């Protein structure tokens, strides 16, 4: 579990992602770890995007719309998910 935590802590920021993957993500009210959590949580059976957004807003004391999370997550390249999956698989 510590490996997974370290992996996400090391990669879940705009600077690291921009450097490793040549993207141009910018900082916003929605951080990378929350955007990844939003996408990965939605893969859970019977999950609803509105419920995920509500829990994130409650945790972060924000009022960000589902559309905001969709937009932030859509800017994250698939190569980041591949990088995370490969690191988890090879560990």
N, C-alpha and C. Protein backbone atom coordinates (compact mmCIF):
# COMPACT_ATOMS: atom_id res chain seq x y z
N UNK A 1 0.82 -1.18 0.00
CA UNK A 1 0.00 0.00 0.00
C UNK A 1 0.87 1.26 0.00
N UNK A 2 1.98 1.21 0.69
CA UNK A 2 2.89 2.37 0.74
C UNK A 2 3.41 2.70 -0.66
N UNK A 3 3.67 1.67 -1.46
CA UNK A 3 4.15 1.89 -2.82
C UNK A 3 3.11 2.65 -3.64
N UNK A 4 1.86 2.26 -3.51
CA UNK A 4 0.79 2.92 -4.26
C UNK A 4 0.65 4.38 -3.82
N UNK A 5 0.68 4.61 -2.53
CA UNK A 5 0.60 5.97 -2.01
C UNK A 5 1.74 6.82 -2.54
N UNK A 6 2.96 6.29 -2.50
CA UNK A 6 4.11 7.03 -3.00
C UNK A 6 4.01 7.29 -4.50
N UNK A 7 3.55 6.31 -5.25
CA UNK A 7 3.39 6.47 -6.69
C UNK A 7 2.45 7.64 -7.00
N UNK A 8 1.30 7.65 -6.35
CA UNK A 8 0.33 8.73 -6.60
C UNK A 8 0.84 10.07 -6.08
N UNK A 9 1.51 10.08 -4.93
CA UNK A 9 2.05 11.34 -4.42
C UNK A 9 3.12 11.92 -5.33
N UNK A 10 3.90 11.04 -5.94
CA UNK A 10 4.98 11.51 -6.82
C UNK A 10 4.48 11.99 -8.17
N UNK A 11 3.41 11.41 -8.66
CA UNK A 11 2.96 11.76 -10.02
C UNK A 11 1.79 12.74 -10.03
N UNK A 12 1.09 12.87 -8.95
CA UNK A 12 -0.15 13.66 -8.95
C UNK A 12 0.08 15.15 -8.75
N UNK A 13 0.86 15.73 -9.62
CA UNK A 13 0.97 17.19 -9.66
C UNK A 13 1.26 17.62 -11.09
N UNK A 14 0.87 18.83 -11.40
CA UNK A 14 0.95 19.32 -12.77
C UNK A 14 2.38 19.35 -13.28
N UNK A 15 3.33 19.78 -12.43
CA UNK A 15 4.71 19.90 -12.87
C UNK A 15 5.29 18.56 -13.30
N UNK A 16 5.09 17.54 -12.50
CA UNK A 16 5.63 16.21 -12.81
C UNK A 16 4.99 15.66 -14.08
N UNK A 17 3.70 15.77 -14.19
CA UNK A 17 3.00 15.25 -15.37
C UNK A 17 3.45 15.99 -16.62
N UNK A 18 3.54 17.30 -16.54
CA UNK A 18 3.98 18.09 -17.69
C UNK A 18 5.40 17.70 -18.12
N UNK A 19 6.26 17.45 -17.14
CA UNK A 19 7.65 17.08 -17.44
C UNK A 19 7.75 15.68 -18.03
N UNK A 20 7.07 14.73 -17.41
CA UNK A 20 7.17 13.33 -17.85
C UNK A 20 6.46 13.06 -19.17
N UNK A 21 5.35 13.75 -19.40
CA UNK A 21 4.50 13.40 -20.54
C UNK A 21 4.39 14.50 -21.59
N UNK A 22 5.10 15.60 -21.40
CA UNK A 22 5.09 16.67 -22.38
C UNK A 22 3.74 17.34 -22.55
N UNK A 23 2.94 17.34 -21.50
CA UNK A 23 1.62 17.99 -21.55
C UNK A 23 1.74 19.40 -21.00
N UNK A 24 0.64 20.11 -21.03
CA UNK A 24 0.62 21.46 -20.48
C UNK A 24 -0.58 21.63 -19.57
N UNK A 25 -0.66 20.77 -18.55
CA UNK A 25 -1.73 20.90 -17.57
C UNK A 25 -1.44 22.12 -16.71
N UNK A 26 -2.48 22.82 -16.31
CA UNK A 26 -2.28 23.98 -15.45
C UNK A 26 -2.95 23.74 -14.11
N UNK A 27 -2.49 24.46 -13.11
CA UNK A 27 -3.09 24.36 -11.79
C UNK A 27 -4.47 24.99 -11.83
N UNK A 28 -5.38 24.39 -11.11
CA UNK A 28 -6.74 24.92 -11.01
C UNK A 28 -7.30 24.54 -9.65
N UNK A 29 -8.57 24.82 -9.45
CA UNK A 29 -9.21 24.46 -8.18
C UNK A 29 -9.26 22.95 -7.99
N UNK A 30 -9.23 22.21 -9.09
CA UNK A 30 -9.27 20.74 -9.05
C UNK A 30 -7.84 20.23 -9.22
N UNK A 31 -7.34 19.52 -8.22
CA UNK A 31 -5.99 18.99 -8.35
C UNK A 31 -6.00 17.66 -9.09
N UNK A 32 -4.83 17.25 -9.50
CA UNK A 32 -4.68 16.03 -10.30
C UNK A 32 -5.17 14.79 -9.56
N UNK A 33 -4.84 14.69 -8.29
CA UNK A 33 -5.25 13.48 -7.55
C UNK A 33 -6.77 13.38 -7.48
N UNK A 34 -7.47 14.51 -7.33
CA UNK A 34 -8.93 14.46 -7.31
C UNK A 34 -9.50 14.11 -8.68
N UNK A 35 -8.88 14.61 -9.74
CA UNK A 35 -9.32 14.27 -11.09
C UNK A 35 -9.14 12.78 -11.37
N UNK A 36 -8.00 12.24 -10.94
CA UNK A 36 -7.76 10.79 -11.10
C UNK A 36 -8.74 9.99 -10.26
N UNK A 37 -8.97 10.44 -9.02
CA UNK A 37 -9.92 9.77 -8.15
C UNK A 37 -11.31 9.76 -8.78
N UNK A 38 -11.70 10.89 -9.36
CA UNK A 38 -13.00 11.02 -10.03
C UNK A 38 -13.13 9.97 -11.13
N UNK A 39 -12.13 9.85 -11.97
CA UNK A 39 -12.18 8.89 -13.08
C UNK A 39 -12.15 7.45 -12.58
N UNK A 40 -11.24 7.15 -11.67
CA UNK A 40 -11.10 5.78 -11.20
C UNK A 40 -12.31 5.35 -10.37
N UNK A 41 -12.89 6.27 -9.62
CA UNK A 41 -14.07 5.94 -8.81
C UNK A 41 -15.26 5.61 -9.70
N UNK A 42 -15.33 6.28 -10.84
CA UNK A 42 -16.46 6.04 -11.73
C UNK A 42 -16.40 4.65 -12.36
N UNK A 43 -15.26 4.02 -12.33
CA UNK A 43 -15.15 2.66 -12.87
C UNK A 43 -15.76 1.62 -11.93
N UNK A 44 -16.06 2.03 -10.70
CA UNK A 44 -16.68 1.13 -9.74
C UNK A 44 -18.14 0.89 -10.14
N UNK A 45 -18.59 -0.33 -10.03
CA UNK A 45 -19.96 -0.69 -10.39
C UNK A 45 -20.95 0.11 -9.56
N UNK A 46 -21.99 0.59 -10.21
CA UNK A 46 -23.08 1.36 -9.59
C UNK A 46 -22.67 2.73 -9.07
N UNK A 47 -21.51 3.21 -9.45
CA UNK A 47 -21.13 4.55 -9.00
C UNK A 47 -21.75 5.59 -9.93
N UNK A 48 -22.00 6.76 -9.38
CA UNK A 48 -22.59 7.86 -10.14
C UNK A 48 -21.66 9.06 -10.03
N UNK A 49 -21.47 9.73 -11.16
CA UNK A 49 -20.57 10.88 -11.18
C UNK A 49 -21.00 11.95 -10.19
N UNK A 50 -22.28 12.21 -10.09
CA UNK A 50 -22.76 13.23 -9.16
C UNK A 50 -22.43 12.88 -7.71
N UNK A 51 -22.51 11.60 -7.37
CA UNK A 51 -22.17 11.16 -6.01
C UNK A 51 -20.68 11.33 -5.73
N UNK A 52 -19.87 11.03 -6.72
CA UNK A 52 -18.41 11.17 -6.58
C UNK A 52 -18.07 12.65 -6.41
N UNK A 53 -18.66 13.50 -7.22
CA UNK A 53 -18.41 14.94 -7.13
C UNK A 53 -18.86 15.46 -5.77
N UNK A 54 -20.00 15.01 -5.29
CA UNK A 54 -20.48 15.44 -3.97
C UNK A 54 -19.50 15.07 -2.87
N UNK A 55 -18.98 13.86 -2.93
CA UNK A 55 -18.02 13.44 -1.89
C UNK A 55 -16.72 14.24 -1.98
N UNK A 56 -16.27 14.53 -3.20
CA UNK A 56 -15.06 15.34 -3.36
C UNK A 56 -15.29 16.77 -2.88
N UNK A 57 -16.45 17.33 -3.20
CA UNK A 57 -16.76 18.68 -2.74
C UNK A 57 -16.85 18.75 -1.22
N UNK A 58 -17.41 17.74 -0.63
CA UNK A 58 -17.51 17.68 0.83
C UNK A 58 -16.11 17.57 1.46
N UNK A 59 -15.31 16.69 0.92
CA UNK A 59 -13.94 16.48 1.44
C UNK A 59 -13.10 17.75 1.31
N UNK A 60 -13.22 18.42 0.17
CA UNK A 60 -12.38 19.59 -0.10
C UNK A 60 -13.02 20.92 0.27
N UNK A 61 -14.26 20.85 0.77
CA UNK A 61 -15.01 22.06 1.10
C UNK A 61 -15.07 23.02 -0.09
N UNK A 62 -15.49 22.46 -1.24
CA UNK A 62 -15.61 23.23 -2.48
C UNK A 62 -17.01 23.05 -3.03
N UNK A 63 -17.27 23.73 -4.12
CA UNK A 63 -18.55 23.61 -4.81
C UNK A 63 -18.28 23.58 -6.31
N UNK A 64 -17.59 22.55 -6.76
CA UNK A 64 -17.20 22.41 -8.15
C UNK A 64 -18.19 21.48 -8.84
N UNK A 65 -18.56 21.83 -10.05
CA UNK A 65 -19.55 21.04 -10.78
C UNK A 65 -18.95 19.77 -11.37
N UNK A 66 -19.82 18.87 -11.73
CA UNK A 66 -19.39 17.65 -12.42
C UNK A 66 -18.70 18.00 -13.72
N UNK A 67 -19.21 19.01 -14.39
CA UNK A 67 -18.62 19.46 -15.65
C UNK A 67 -17.16 19.89 -15.46
N UNK A 68 -16.86 20.53 -14.34
CA UNK A 68 -15.48 20.93 -14.04
C UNK A 68 -14.57 19.73 -13.89
N UNK A 69 -15.04 18.69 -13.18
CA UNK A 69 -14.25 17.47 -13.03
C UNK A 69 -14.09 16.75 -14.36
N UNK A 70 -15.14 16.73 -15.16
CA UNK A 70 -15.05 16.10 -16.49
C UNK A 70 -13.98 16.80 -17.34
N UNK A 71 -14.00 18.12 -17.31
CA UNK A 71 -13.05 18.88 -18.13
C UNK A 71 -11.61 18.66 -17.65
N UNK A 72 -11.39 18.71 -16.34
CA UNK A 72 -10.04 18.50 -15.81
C UNK A 72 -9.55 17.10 -16.14
N UNK A 73 -10.40 16.11 -15.92
CA UNK A 73 -9.99 14.73 -16.17
C UNK A 73 -9.75 14.47 -17.64
N UNK A 74 -10.52 15.12 -18.51
CA UNK A 74 -10.34 14.89 -19.94
C UNK A 74 -9.01 15.45 -20.45
N UNK A 75 -8.41 16.35 -19.70
CA UNK A 75 -7.10 16.90 -20.08
C UNK A 75 -5.94 16.01 -19.66
N UNK A 76 -6.21 15.00 -18.86
CA UNK A 76 -5.16 14.08 -18.42
C UNK A 76 -4.96 13.03 -19.51
N UNK A 77 -3.75 12.96 -20.06
CA UNK A 77 -3.51 12.00 -21.15
C UNK A 77 -3.63 10.54 -20.69
N UNK A 78 -4.06 9.70 -21.60
CA UNK A 78 -4.18 8.27 -21.34
C UNK A 78 -2.82 7.69 -20.91
N UNK A 79 -1.75 8.26 -21.41
CA UNK A 79 -0.41 7.76 -21.08
C UNK A 79 -0.13 7.82 -19.58
N UNK A 80 -0.78 8.71 -18.86
CA UNK A 80 -0.60 8.76 -17.41
C UNK A 80 -1.23 7.54 -16.76
N UNK A 81 -2.41 7.17 -17.22
CA UNK A 81 -3.06 5.96 -16.69
C UNK A 81 -2.24 4.72 -17.04
N UNK A 82 -1.67 4.70 -18.23
CA UNK A 82 -0.80 3.58 -18.62
C UNK A 82 0.44 3.52 -17.74
N UNK A 83 1.02 4.68 -17.46
CA UNK A 83 2.20 4.76 -16.60
C UNK A 83 1.88 4.21 -15.20
N UNK A 84 0.77 4.64 -14.65
CA UNK A 84 0.36 4.17 -13.32
C UNK A 84 0.11 2.66 -13.34
N UNK A 85 -0.63 2.18 -14.35
CA UNK A 85 -0.94 0.75 -14.44
C UNK A 85 0.34 -0.07 -14.60
N UNK A 86 1.27 0.37 -15.44
CA UNK A 86 2.53 -0.36 -15.63
C UNK A 86 3.35 -0.41 -14.34
N UNK A 87 3.40 0.70 -13.62
CA UNK A 87 4.13 0.72 -12.35
C UNK A 87 3.50 -0.21 -11.33
N UNK A 88 2.19 -0.23 -11.27
CA UNK A 88 1.51 -1.13 -10.34
C UNK A 88 1.71 -2.59 -10.74
N UNK A 89 1.63 -2.86 -12.04
CA UNK A 89 1.78 -4.22 -12.53
C UNK A 89 3.20 -4.75 -12.29
N UNK A 90 4.19 -3.89 -12.52
CA UNK A 90 5.59 -4.31 -12.39
C UNK A 90 6.11 -4.30 -10.96
N UNK A 91 5.31 -3.83 -10.04
CA UNK A 91 5.78 -3.79 -8.65
C UNK A 91 5.58 -5.12 -7.99
